[in-house]
Amino acid sequence: MGEVEDLRARIGELERKVEILFSHTGAVDRKKVAVDAPPPSSEVEALMAAGKTTKAAKLYQKQTGAGMAETMAALEKLSHPG
């Protein structure tokens, strides 16, 4: 087996193991969740800009009805745009 094929096989095995870990721990892929998360209001954005993450999270949940994973994904997207 060549080096490229060996690396592809190793990556495939790592991806399989990560999927197992996600499914057994209940972890979520925040980037994937953030795609479907409702956009934050300007009030939430202002709280995040002021470093008031907990207040921003509570307000976001109140305004959108989002769960914790969706909330954290949306706020992380604000913190690290792009």
PDB file of N, CA and C in Angstrom:
ATOM      1  N   MET A   1       0.864  -1.185   0.000  1.00  0.00           N
ATOM      2  CA  MET A   1       0.000   0.000   0.000  1.00  0.00           C
ATOM      3  C   MET A   1       0.901   1.236   0.000  1.00  0.00           C
ATOM      4  N   GLY A   2       0.583   2.199  -0.822  1.00  0.00           N
ATOM      5  CA  GLY A   2       1.361   3.423  -0.898  1.00  0.00           C
ATOM      6  C   GLY A   2       1.081   4.338   0.284  1.00  0.00           C
ATOM      7  N   GLU A   3       1.898   5.333   0.409  1.00  0.00           N
ATOM      8  CA  GLU A   3       1.769   6.273   1.530  1.00  0.00           C
ATOM      9  C   GLU A   3       0.425   6.994   1.517  1.00  0.00           C
ATOM     10  N   VAL A   4      -0.032   7.440   0.357  1.00  0.00           N
ATOM     11  CA  VAL A   4      -1.308   8.155   0.253  1.00  0.00           C
ATOM     12  C   VAL A   4      -2.463   7.244   0.656  1.00  0.00           C
ATOM     13  N   GLU A   5      -2.448   6.012   0.161  1.00  0.00           N
ATOM     14  CA  GLU A   5      -3.511   5.066   0.510  1.00  0.00           C
ATOM     15  C   GLU A   5      -3.505   4.765   2.005  1.00  0.00           C
ATOM     16  N   ASP A   6      -2.301   4.646   2.571  1.00  0.00           N
ATOM     17  CA  ASP A   6      -2.167   4.400   4.008  1.00  0.00           C
ATOM     18  C   ASP A   6      -2.761   5.559   4.811  1.00  0.00           C
ATOM     19  N   LEU A   7      -2.461   6.782   4.387  1.00  0.00           N
ATOM     20  CA  LEU A   7      -2.996   7.961   5.079  1.00  0.00           C
ATOM     21  C   LEU A   7      -4.517   8.026   4.952  1.00  0.00           C
ATOM     22  N   ARG A   8      -5.035   7.714   3.772  1.00  0.00           N
ATOM     23  CA  ARG A   8      -6.491   7.708   3.586  1.00  0.00           C
ATOM     24  C   ARG A   8      -7.156   6.677   4.501  1.00  0.00           C
ATOM     25  N   ALA A   9      -6.557   5.524   4.610  1.00  0.00           N
ATOM     26  CA  ALA A   9      -7.103   4.482   5.485  1.00  0.00           C
ATOM     27  C   ALA A   9      -7.076   4.933   6.945  1.00  0.00           C
ATOM     28  N   ARG A  10      -5.991   5.571   7.345  1.00  0.00           N
ATOM     29  CA  ARG A  10      -5.881   6.058   8.730  1.00  0.00           C
ATOM     30  C   ARG A  10      -6.906   7.152   9.005  1.00  0.00           C
ATOM     31  N   ILE A  11      -7.098   8.055   8.044  1.00  0.00           N
ATOM     32  CA  ILE A  11      -8.094   9.125   8.204  1.00  0.00           C
ATOM     33  C   ILE A  11      -9.486   8.527   8.299  1.00  0.00           C
ATOM     34  N   GLY A  12      -9.776   7.553   7.453  1.00  0.00           N
ATOM     35  CA  GLY A  12     -11.079   6.886   7.508  1.00  0.00           C
ATOM     36  C   GLY A  12     -11.329   6.255   8.862  1.00  0.00           C
ATOM     37  N   GLU A  13     -10.325   5.600   9.412  1.00  0.00           N
ATOM     38  CA  GLU A  13     -10.462   4.974  10.732  1.00  0.00           C
ATOM     39  C   GLU A  13     -10.655   6.028  11.824  1.00  0.00           C
ATOM     40  N   LEU A  14      -9.925   7.132  11.742  1.00  0.00           N
ATOM     41  CA  LEU A  14     -10.098   8.212  12.721  1.00  0.00           C
ATOM     42  C   LEU A  14     -11.494   8.817  12.633  1.00  0.00           C
ATOM     43  N   GLU A  15     -11.986   9.029  11.424  1.00  0.00           N
ATOM     44  CA  GLU A  15     -13.343   9.558  11.255  1.00  0.00           C
ATOM     45  C   GLU A  15     -14.380   8.613  11.847  1.00  0.00           C
ATOM     46  N   ARG A  16     -14.189   7.314  11.647  1.00  0.00           N
ATOM     47  CA  ARG A  16     -15.105   6.316  12.214  1.00  0.00           C
ATOM     48  C   ARG A  16     -15.096   6.379  13.740  1.00  0.00           C
ATOM     49  N   LYS A  17     -13.921   6.488  14.327  1.00  0.00           N
ATOM     50  CA  LYS A  17     -13.798   6.536  15.784  1.00  0.00           C
ATOM     51  C   LYS A  17     -14.408   7.822  16.349  1.00  0.00           C
ATOM     52  N   VAL A  18     -14.208   8.948  15.671  1.00  0.00           N
ATOM     53  CA  VAL A  18     -14.794  10.211  16.122  1.00  0.00           C
ATOM     54  C   VAL A  18     -16.317  10.117  16.096  1.00  0.00           C
ATOM     55  N   GLU A  19     -16.856   9.532  15.042  1.00  0.00           N
ATOM     56  CA  GLU A  19     -18.308   9.359  14.948  1.00  0.00           C
ATOM     57  C   GLU A  19     -18.838   8.515  16.112  1.00  0.00           C
ATOM     58  N   ILE A  20     -18.123   7.477  16.460  1.00  0.00           N
ATOM     59  CA  ILE A  20     -18.515   6.638  17.599  1.00  0.00           C
ATOM     60  C   ILE A  20     -18.485   7.455  18.883  1.00  0.00           C
ATOM     61  N   LEU A  21     -17.425   8.239  19.075  1.00  0.00           N
ATOM     62  CA  LEU A  21     -17.329   9.071  20.276  1.00  0.00           C
ATOM     63  C   LEU A  21     -18.482  10.071  20.346  1.00  0.00           C
ATOM     64  N   PHE A  22     -18.796  10.724  19.233  1.00  0.00           N
ATOM     65  CA  PHE A  22     -19.904  11.679  19.205  1.00  0.00           C
ATOM     66  C   PHE A  22     -21.210  10.984  19.559  1.00  0.00           C
ATOM     67  N   SER A  23     -21.449   9.821  18.997  1.00  0.00           N
ATOM     68  CA  SER A  23     -22.723   9.141  19.235  1.00  0.00           C
ATOM     69  C   SER A  23     -22.838   8.620  20.665  1.00  0.00           C
ATOM     70  N   HIS A  24     -21.737   8.222  21.269  1.00  0.00           N
ATOM     71  CA  HIS A  24     -21.790   7.677  22.630  1.00  0.00           C
ATOM     72  C   HIS A  24     -21.758   8.741  23.728  1.00  0.00           C
ATOM     73  N   THR A  25     -21.230   9.901  23.429  1.00  0.00           N
ATOM     74  CA  THR A  25     -21.126  10.938  24.458  1.00  0.00           C
ATOM     75  C   THR A  25     -22.222  11.984  24.359  1.00  0.00           C
ATOM     76  N   GLY A  26     -22.927  12.005  23.244  1.00  0.00           N
ATOM     77  CA  GLY A  26     -23.954  13.030  23.055  1.00  0.00           C
ATOM     78  C   GLY A  26     -23.372  14.357  22.612  1.00  0.00           C
ATOM     79  N   ALA A  27     -22.081  14.362  22.289  1.00  0.00           N
ATOM     80  CA  ALA A  27     -21.441  15.594  21.828  1.00  0.00           C
ATOM     81  C   ALA A  27     -22.043  15.998  20.483  1.00  0.00           C
ATOM     82  N   VAL A  28     -21.988  17.275  20.215  1.00  0.00           N
ATOM     83  CA  VAL A  28     -22.515  17.779  18.946  1.00  0.00           C
ATOM     84  C   VAL A  28     -21.440  18.536  18.192  1.00  0.00           C
ATOM     85  N   ASP A  29     -21.594  18.566  16.902  1.00  0.00           N
ATOM     86  CA  ASP A  29     -20.704  19.327  16.041  1.00  0.00           C
ATOM     87  C   ASP A  29     -21.257  20.747  15.971  1.00  0.00           C
ATOM     88  N   ARG A  30     -20.668  21.663  16.698  1.00  0.00           N
ATOM     89  CA  ARG A  30     -21.216  23.022  16.791  1.00  0.00           C
ATOM     90  C   ARG A  30     -21.275  23.735  15.451  1.00  0.00           C
ATOM     91  N   LYS A  31     -20.309  23.498  14.592  1.00  0.00           N
ATOM     92  CA  LYS A  31     -20.339  24.146  13.280  1.00  0.00           C
ATOM     93  C   LYS A  31     -21.552  23.678  12.481  1.00  0.00           C
ATOM     94  N   LYS A  32     -21.840  22.394  12.577  1.00  0.00           N
ATOM     95  CA  LYS A  32     -22.998  21.840  11.865  1.00  0.00           C
ATOM     96  C   LYS A  32     -24.293  22.387  12.449  1.00  0.00           C
ATOM     97  N   VAL A  33     -24.370  22.472  13.761  1.00  0.00           N
ATOM     98  CA  VAL A  33     -25.562  22.985  14.444  1.00  0.00           C
ATOM     99  C   VAL A  33     -25.735  24.473  14.156  1.00  0.00           C
ATOM    100  N   ALA A  34     -24.640  25.219  14.100  1.00  0.00           N
ATOM    101  CA  ALA A  34     -24.706  26.668  13.891  1.00  0.00           C
ATOM    102  C   ALA A  34     -25.325  27.031  12.551  1.00  0.00           C
ATOM    103  N   VAL A  35     -25.200  26.157  11.582  1.00  0.00           N
ATOM    104  CA  VAL A  35     -25.770  26.431  10.262  1.00  0.00           C
ATOM    105  C   VAL A  35     -27.280  26.630  10.347  1.00  0.00           C
ATOM    106  N   ASP A  36     -27.947  25.839  11.188  1.00  0.00           N
ATOM    107  CA  ASP A  36     -29.400  25.893  11.318  1.00  0.00           C
ATOM    108  C   ASP A  36     -29.874  26.771  12.474  1.00  0.00           C
ATOM    109  N   ALA A  37     -28.953  27.310  13.246  1.00  0.00           N
ATOM    110  CA  ALA A  37     -29.331  28.116  14.404  1.00  0.00           C
ATOM    111  C   ALA A  37     -29.948  29.442  13.956  1.00  0.00           C
ATOM    112  N   PRO A  38     -31.025  29.874  14.658  1.00  0.00           N
ATOM    113  CA  PRO A  38     -31.610  31.177  14.322  1.00  0.00           C
ATOM    114  C   PRO A  38     -30.581  32.291  14.523  1.00  0.00           C
ATOM    115  N   PRO A  39     -30.630  33.318  13.711  1.00  0.00           N
ATOM    116  CA  PRO A  39     -29.664  34.407  13.873  1.00  0.00           C
ATOM    117  C   PRO A  39     -29.896  35.162  15.181  1.00  0.00           C
ATOM    118  N   PRO A  40     -28.839  35.601  15.835  1.00  0.00           N
ATOM    119  CA  PRO A  40     -28.988  36.339  17.089  1.00  0.00           C
ATOM    120  C   PRO A  40     -29.482  37.760  16.833  1.00  0.00           C
ATOM    121  N   SER A  41     -30.193  38.271  17.809  1.00  0.00           N
ATOM    122  CA  SER A  41     -30.683  39.647  17.721  1.00  0.00           C
ATOM    123  C   SER A  41     -29.531  40.618  17.966  1.00  0.00           C
ATOM    124  N   SER A  42     -29.765  41.875  17.676  1.00  0.00           N
ATOM    125  CA  SER A  42     -28.736  42.892  17.925  1.00  0.00           C
ATOM    126  C   SER A  42     -28.462  43.016  19.418  1.00  0.00           C
ATOM    127  N   GLU A  43     -29.480  42.733  20.248  1.00  0.00           N
ATOM    128  CA  GLU A  43     -29.271  42.770  21.709  1.00  0.00           C
ATOM    129  C   GLU A  43     -28.289  41.685  22.139  1.00  0.00           C
ATOM    130  N   VAL A  44     -28.442  40.493  21.577  1.00  0.00           N
ATOM    131  CA  VAL A  44     -27.535  39.387  21.898  1.00  0.00           C
ATOM    132  C   VAL A  44     -26.131  39.718  21.402  1.00  0.00           C
ATOM    133  N   GLU A  45     -26.044  40.263  20.203  1.00  0.00           N
ATOM    134  CA  GLU A  45     -24.740  40.650  19.660  1.00  0.00           C
ATOM    135  C   GLU A  45     -24.054  41.681  20.556  1.00  0.00           C
ATOM    136  N   ALA A  46     -24.825  42.645  21.065  1.00  0.00           N
ATOM    137  CA  ALA A  46     -24.259  43.684  21.935  1.00  0.00           C
ATOM    138  C   ALA A  46     -23.755  43.078  23.247  1.00  0.00           C
ATOM    139  N   LEU A  47     -24.504  42.137  23.806  1.00  0.00           N
ATOM    140  CA  LEU A  47     -24.067  41.471  25.034  1.00  0.00           C
ATOM    141  C   LEU A  47     -22.780  40.688  24.801  1.00  0.00           C
ATOM    142  N   MET A  48     -22.696  40.011  23.669  1.00  0.00           N
ATOM    143  CA  MET A  48     -21.474  39.266  23.350  1.00  0.00           C
ATOM    144  C   MET A  48     -20.293  40.217  23.176  1.00  0.00           C
ATOM    145  N   ALA A  49     -20.516  41.320  22.511  1.00  0.00           N
ATOM    146  CA  ALA A  49     -19.450  42.302  22.294  1.00  0.00           C
ATOM    147  C   ALA A  49     -18.955  42.876  23.616  1.00  0.00           C
ATOM    148  N   ALA A  50     -19.858  42.945  24.595  1.00  0.00           N
ATOM    149  CA  ALA A  50     -19.494  43.464  25.915  1.00  0.00           C
ATOM    150  C   ALA A  50     -18.913  42.374  26.822  1.00  0.00           C
ATOM    151  N   GLY A  51     -18.781  41.141  26.281  1.00  0.00           N
ATOM    152  CA  GLY A  51     -18.210  40.051  27.071  1.00  0.00           C
ATOM    153  C   GLY A  51     -19.183  39.419  28.046  1.00  0.00           C
ATOM    154  N   LYS A  52     -20.469  39.651  27.862  1.00  0.00           N
ATOM    155  CA  LYS A  52     -21.490  39.119  28.768  1.00  0.00           C
ATOM    156  C   LYS A  52     -22.136  37.876  28.137  1.00  0.00           C
ATOM    157  N   THR A  53     -21.329  36.822  28.037  1.00  0.00           N
ATOM    158  CA  THR A  53     -21.736  35.610  27.344  1.00  0.00           C
ATOM    159  C   THR A  53     -22.929  34.928  28.003  1.00  0.00           C
ATOM    160  N   THR A  54     -22.943  34.844  29.322  1.00  0.00           N
ATOM    161  CA  THR A  54     -24.039  34.164  30.012  1.00  0.00           C
ATOM    162  C   THR A  54     -25.356  34.890  29.779  1.00  0.00           C
ATOM    163  N   LYS A  55     -25.347  36.201  29.901  1.00  0.00           N
ATOM    164  CA  LYS A  55     -26.561  36.980  29.646  1.00  0.00           C
ATOM    165  C   LYS A  55     -26.990  36.855  28.188  1.00  0.00           C
ATOM    166  N   ALA A  56     -26.015  36.849  27.280  1.00  0.00           N
ATOM    167  CA  ALA A  56     -26.314  36.700  25.857  1.00  0.00           C
ATOM    168  C   ALA A  56     -26.960  35.345  25.588  1.00  0.00           C
ATOM    169  N   ALA A  57     -26.434  34.304  26.216  1.00  0.00           N
ATOM    170  CA  ALA A  57     -26.971  32.954  26.028  1.00  0.00           C
ATOM    171  C   ALA A  57     -28.410  32.865  26.547  1.00  0.00           C
ATOM    172  N   LYS A  58     -28.642  33.400  27.718  1.00  0.00           N
ATOM    173  CA  LYS A  58     -29.999  33.364  28.291  1.00  0.00           C
ATOM    174  C   LYS A  58     -30.986  34.133  27.417  1.00  0.00           C
ATOM    175  N   LEU A  59     -30.583  35.296  26.934  1.00  0.00           N
ATOM    176  CA  LEU A  59     -31.458  36.100  26.088  1.00  0.00           C
ATOM    177  C   LEU A  59     -31.707  35.391  24.752  1.00  0.00           C
ATOM    178  N   TYR A  60     -30.667  34.815  24.176  1.00  0.00           N
ATOM    179  CA  TYR A  60     -30.808  34.092  22.915  1.00  0.00           C
ATOM    180  C   TYR A  60     -31.806  32.948  23.073  1.00  0.00           C
ATOM    181  N   GLN A  61     -31.675  32.198  24.154  1.00  0.00           N
ATOM    182  CA  GLN A  61     -32.593  31.083  24.390  1.00  0.00           C
ATOM    183  C   GLN A  61     -34.021  31.584  24.575  1.00  0.00           C
ATOM    184  N   LYS A  62     -34.175  32.664  25.306  1.00  0.00           N
ATOM    185  CA  LYS A  62     -35.507  33.220  25.542  1.00  0.00           C
ATOM    186  C   LYS A  62     -36.127  33.688  24.217  1.00  0.00           C
ATOM    187  N   GLN A  63     -35.329  34.331  23.381  1.00  0.00           N
ATOM    188  CA  GLN A  63     -35.840  34.879  22.127  1.00  0.00           C
ATOM    189  C   GLN A  63     -36.114  33.808  21.071  1.00  0.00           C
ATOM    190  N   THR A  64     -35.315  32.754  21.053  1.00  0.00           N
ATOM    191  CA  THR A  64     -35.407  31.770  19.973  1.00  0.00           C
ATOM    192  C   THR A  64     -35.982  30.417  20.380  1.00  0.00           C
ATOM    193  N   GLY A  65     -35.960  30.124  21.671  1.00  0.00           N
ATOM    194  CA  GLY A  65     -36.384  28.799  22.120  1.00  0.00           C
ATOM    195  C   GLY A  65     -35.335  27.731  21.853  1.00  0.00           C
ATOM    196  N   ALA A  66     -34.133  28.143  21.530  1.00  0.00           N
ATOM    197  CA  ALA A  66     -33.045  27.214  21.201  1.00  0.00           C
ATOM    198  C   ALA A  66     -32.586  26.460  22.442  1.00  0.00           C
ATOM    199  N   GLY A  67     -32.060  25.263  22.212  1.00  0.00           N
ATOM    200  CA  GLY A  67     -31.440  24.480  23.269  1.00  0.00           C
ATOM    201  C   GLY A  67     -30.019  24.949  23.510  1.00  0.00           C
ATOM    202  N   MET A  68     -29.364  24.324  24.468  1.00  0.00           N
ATOM    203  CA  MET A  68     -28.013  24.747  24.841  1.00  0.00           C
ATOM    204  C   MET A  68     -27.015  24.555  23.696  1.00  0.00           C
ATOM    205  N   ALA A  69     -27.060  23.431  23.009  1.00  0.00           N
ATOM    206  CA  ALA A  69     -26.100  23.189  21.933  1.00  0.00           C
ATOM    207  C   ALA A  69     -26.260  24.221  20.818  1.00  0.00           C
ATOM    208  N   GLU A  70     -27.494  24.485  20.438  1.00  0.00           N
ATOM    209  CA  GLU A  70     -27.757  25.457  19.385  1.00  0.00           C
ATOM    210  C   GLU A  70     -27.335  26.862  19.830  1.00  0.00           C
ATOM    211  N   THR A  71     -27.599  27.184  21.081  1.00  0.00           N
ATOM    212  CA  THR A  71     -27.217  28.484  21.624  1.00  0.00           C
ATOM    213  C   THR A  71     -25.706  28.662  21.602  1.00  0.00           C
ATOM    214  N   MET A  72     -24.992  27.684  22.107  1.00  0.00           N
ATOM    215  CA  MET A  72     -23.534  27.787  22.154  1.00  0.00           C
ATOM    216  C   MET A  72     -22.946  27.863  20.742  1.00  0.00           C
ATOM    217  N   ALA A  73     -23.544  27.138  19.804  1.00  0.00           N
ATOM    218  CA  ALA A  73     -23.074  27.183  18.424  1.00  0.00           C
ATOM    219  C   ALA A  73     -23.272  28.572  17.831  1.00  0.00           C
ATOM    220  N   ALA A  74     -24.443  29.152  18.071  1.00  0.00           N
ATOM    221  CA  ALA A  74     -24.735  30.487  17.528  1.00  0.00           C
ATOM    222  C   ALA A  74     -23.815  31.538  18.140  1.00  0.00           C
ATOM    223  N   LEU A  75     -23.591  31.452  19.447  1.00  0.00           N
ATOM    224  CA  LEU A  75     -22.724  32.422  20.111  1.00  0.00           C
ATOM    225  C   LEU A  75     -21.262  32.239  19.709  1.00  0.00           C
ATOM    226  N   GLU A  76     -20.864  31.004  19.524  1.00  0.00           N
ATOM    227  CA  GLU A  76     -19.494  30.760  19.070  1.00  0.00           C
ATOM    228  C   GLU A  76     -19.292  31.334  17.668  1.00  0.00           C
ATOM    229  N   LYS A  77     -20.323  31.224  16.843  1.00  0.00           N
ATOM    230  CA  LYS A  77     -20.268  31.778  15.497  1.00  0.00           C
ATOM    231  C   LYS A  77     -20.076  33.299  15.563  1.00  0.00           C
ATOM    232  N   LEU A  78     -20.708  33.945  16.563  1.00  0.00           N
ATOM    233  CA  LEU A  78     -20.523  35.387  16.758  1.00  0.00           C
ATOM    234  C   LEU A  78     -19.090  35.703  17.194  1.00  0.00           C
ATOM    235  N   SER A  79     -18.563  34.869  18.068  1.00  0.00           N
ATOM    236  CA  SER A  79     -17.224  35.093  18.595  1.00  0.00           C
ATOM    237  C   SER A  79     -16.138  34.850  17.566  1.00  0.00           C
ATOM    238  N   HIS A  80     -16.412  33.935  16.643  1.00  0.00           N
ATOM    239  CA  HIS A  80     -15.419  33.557  15.626  1.00  0.00           C
ATOM    240  C   HIS A  80     -16.072  33.544  14.259  1.00  0.00           C
ATOM    241  N   PRO A  81     -16.423  34.694  13.732  1.00  0.00           N
ATOM    242  CA  PRO A  81     -17.090  34.717  12.423  1.00  0.00           C
ATOM    243  C   PRO A  81     -16.167  34.200  11.315  1.00  0.00           C
ATOM    244  N   GLY A  82     -16.828  33.618  10.308  1.00  0.00           N
ATOM    245  CA  GLY A  82     -16.047  33.130   9.159  1.00  0.00           C
ATOM    246  C   GLY A  82     -15.726  31.755   9.283  1.00  0.00           C
TER     247      GLY A  82
END
